[in-house]
Amino acid sequence: MQRTNMSTQKDTDWHTENQPLVLSVSQALRLLGQRAISRQSFYAAIRRGEVPHRRLGKRILIPRQRFLEWLTAGQ
């Protein structure tokens, strides 16, 4: 029986076509990593227009593909 690393599987799942088109703020923060940025700082970056997003009423939706492109552009 072959064992797989579950955390690696979860990390690679973000890059498959089976994922939703948009992320919630919580999902985007998880993708960044637990200690990469605080929730408060992330919301501040959204308010400043630094993070690609759309508002739908009070909800903030982050287009997954644009968010991933934004992340890699900063490298």
C-alpha atoms as a PDB file:
ATOM      1  CA  MET A   1       0.000   0.000   0.000  1.00  0.00           C
ATOM      2  CA  GLN A   2       1.473   3.328  -1.068  1.00  0.00           C
ATOM      3  CA  ARG A   3       1.313   6.286   1.321  1.00  0.00           C
ATOM      4  CA  THR A   4       0.965   9.839   0.096  1.00  0.00           C
ATOM      5  CA  ASN A   5       1.680  13.097   1.823  1.00  0.00           C
ATOM      6  CA  MET A   6      -1.740  14.708   2.368  1.00  0.00           C
ATOM      7  CA  SER A   7      -0.415  18.258   2.745  1.00  0.00           C
ATOM      8  CA  THR A   8       1.347  17.991  -0.621  1.00  0.00           C
ATOM      9  CA  GLN A   9      -1.855  16.724  -2.207  1.00  0.00           C
ATOM     10  CA  LYS A  10      -3.824  19.659  -0.790  1.00  0.00           C
ATOM     11  CA  ASP A  11      -1.199  22.135  -2.027  1.00  0.00           C
ATOM     12  CA  THR A  12      -1.266  20.802  -5.575  1.00  0.00           C
ATOM     13  CA  ASP A  13      -5.079  20.736  -5.649  1.00  0.00           C
ATOM     14  CA  TRP A  14      -5.096  24.552  -5.835  1.00  0.00           C
ATOM     15  CA  HIS A  15      -3.528  24.352  -9.298  1.00  0.00           C
ATOM     16  CA  THR A  16      -5.980  21.930 -10.920  1.00  0.00           C
ATOM     17  CA  GLU A  17      -8.848  22.777 -13.195  1.00  0.00           C
ATOM     18  CA  ASN A  18     -11.326  21.144 -10.797  1.00  0.00           C
ATOM     19  CA  GLN A  19     -11.147  24.087  -8.408  1.00  0.00           C
ATOM     20  CA  PRO A  20     -13.744  26.858  -8.116  1.00  0.00           C
ATOM     21  CA  LEU A  21     -13.294  29.979 -10.221  1.00  0.00           C
ATOM     22  CA  VAL A  22     -13.310  32.255  -7.173  1.00  0.00           C
ATOM     23  CA  LEU A  23     -11.823  32.082  -3.677  1.00  0.00           C
ATOM     24  CA  SER A  24     -13.117  33.496  -0.445  1.00  0.00           C
ATOM     25  CA  VAL A  25     -10.778  35.610   1.658  1.00  0.00           C
ATOM     26  CA  SER A  26     -10.260  32.623   3.983  1.00  0.00           C
ATOM     27  CA  GLN A  27      -9.346  30.336   1.077  1.00  0.00           C
ATOM     28  CA  ALA A  28      -6.898  32.891  -0.334  1.00  0.00           C
ATOM     29  CA  LEU A  29      -5.260  33.282   3.077  1.00  0.00           C
ATOM     30  CA  ARG A  30      -4.889  29.499   3.393  1.00  0.00           C
ATOM     31  CA  LEU A  31      -3.281  29.414  -0.035  1.00  0.00           C
ATOM     32  CA  LEU A  32      -0.783  32.065   1.072  1.00  0.00           C
ATOM     33  CA  GLY A  33       0.125  30.105   4.185  1.00  0.00           C
ATOM     34  CA  GLN A  34      -0.702  30.538   7.838  1.00  0.00           C
ATOM     35  CA  ARG A  35       1.953  33.067   8.700  1.00  0.00           C
ATOM     36  CA  ALA A  36       2.444  34.846   5.375  1.00  0.00           C
ATOM     37  CA  ILE A  37       0.089  37.734   6.177  1.00  0.00           C
ATOM     38  CA  SER A  38      -2.488  38.522   8.824  1.00  0.00           C
ATOM     39  CA  ARG A  39      -6.189  38.633   7.981  1.00  0.00           C
ATOM     40  CA  GLN A  40      -6.251  42.340   8.841  1.00  0.00           C
ATOM     41  CA  SER A  41      -3.315  43.110   6.524  1.00  0.00           C
ATOM     42  CA  PHE A  42      -4.913  41.075   3.741  1.00  0.00           C
ATOM     43  CA  TYR A  43      -8.169  43.038   4.028  1.00  0.00           C
ATOM     44  CA  ALA A  44      -6.150  46.283   3.998  1.00  0.00           C
ATOM     45  CA  ALA A  45      -4.409  45.168   0.773  1.00  0.00           C
ATOM     46  CA  ILE A  46      -7.827  44.435  -0.736  1.00  0.00           C
ATOM     47  CA  ARG A  47      -9.072  47.917   0.232  1.00  0.00           C
ATOM     48  CA  ARG A  48      -5.988  49.476  -1.375  1.00  0.00           C
ATOM     49  CA  GLY A  49      -6.698  47.526  -4.585  1.00  0.00           C
ATOM     50  CA  GLU A  50      -3.483  45.509  -4.363  1.00  0.00           C
ATOM     51  CA  VAL A  51      -5.232  42.125  -4.421  1.00  0.00           C
ATOM     52  CA  PRO A  52      -7.377  41.273  -7.467  1.00  0.00           C
ATOM     53  CA  HIS A  53     -10.962  40.936  -6.268  1.00  0.00           C
ATOM     54  CA  ARG A  54     -14.617  41.665  -6.923  1.00  0.00           C
ATOM     55  CA  ARG A  55     -17.331  42.629  -4.481  1.00  0.00           C
ATOM     56  CA  LEU A  56     -20.741  41.013  -4.620  1.00  0.00           C
ATOM     57  CA  GLY A  57     -22.773  42.831  -2.016  1.00  0.00           C
ATOM     58  CA  LYS A  58     -20.730  42.492   1.149  1.00  0.00           C
ATOM     59  CA  ARG A  59     -18.880  39.426  -0.092  1.00  0.00           C
ATOM     60  CA  ILE A  60     -15.365  39.686  -1.460  1.00  0.00           C
ATOM     61  CA  LEU A  61     -14.643  37.229  -4.240  1.00  0.00           C
ATOM     62  CA  ILE A  62     -11.107  36.648  -5.451  1.00  0.00           C
ATOM     63  CA  PRO A  63     -10.758  35.220  -8.977  1.00  0.00           C
ATOM     64  CA  ARG A  64      -8.551  32.164  -8.481  1.00  0.00           C
ATOM     65  CA  GLN A  65      -6.573  32.411 -11.732  1.00  0.00           C
ATOM     66  CA  ARG A  66      -5.900  36.152 -11.403  1.00  0.00           C
ATOM     67  CA  PHE A  67      -4.892  35.651  -7.756  1.00  0.00           C
ATOM     68  CA  LEU A  68      -2.406  32.906  -8.685  1.00  0.00           C
ATOM     69  CA  GLU A  69      -1.007  35.067 -11.490  1.00  0.00           C
ATOM     70  CA  TRP A  70      -0.724  37.998  -9.054  1.00  0.00           C
ATOM     71  CA  LEU A  71       1.189  35.800  -6.606  1.00  0.00           C
ATOM     72  CA  THR A  72       3.678  34.589  -9.182  1.00  0.00           C
ATOM     73  CA  ALA A  73       4.165  38.067 -10.689  1.00  0.00           C
ATOM     74  CA  GLY A  74       5.572  39.268  -7.374  1.00  0.00           C
ATOM     75  CA  GLN A  75       8.354  36.684  -7.349  1.00  0.00           C
END
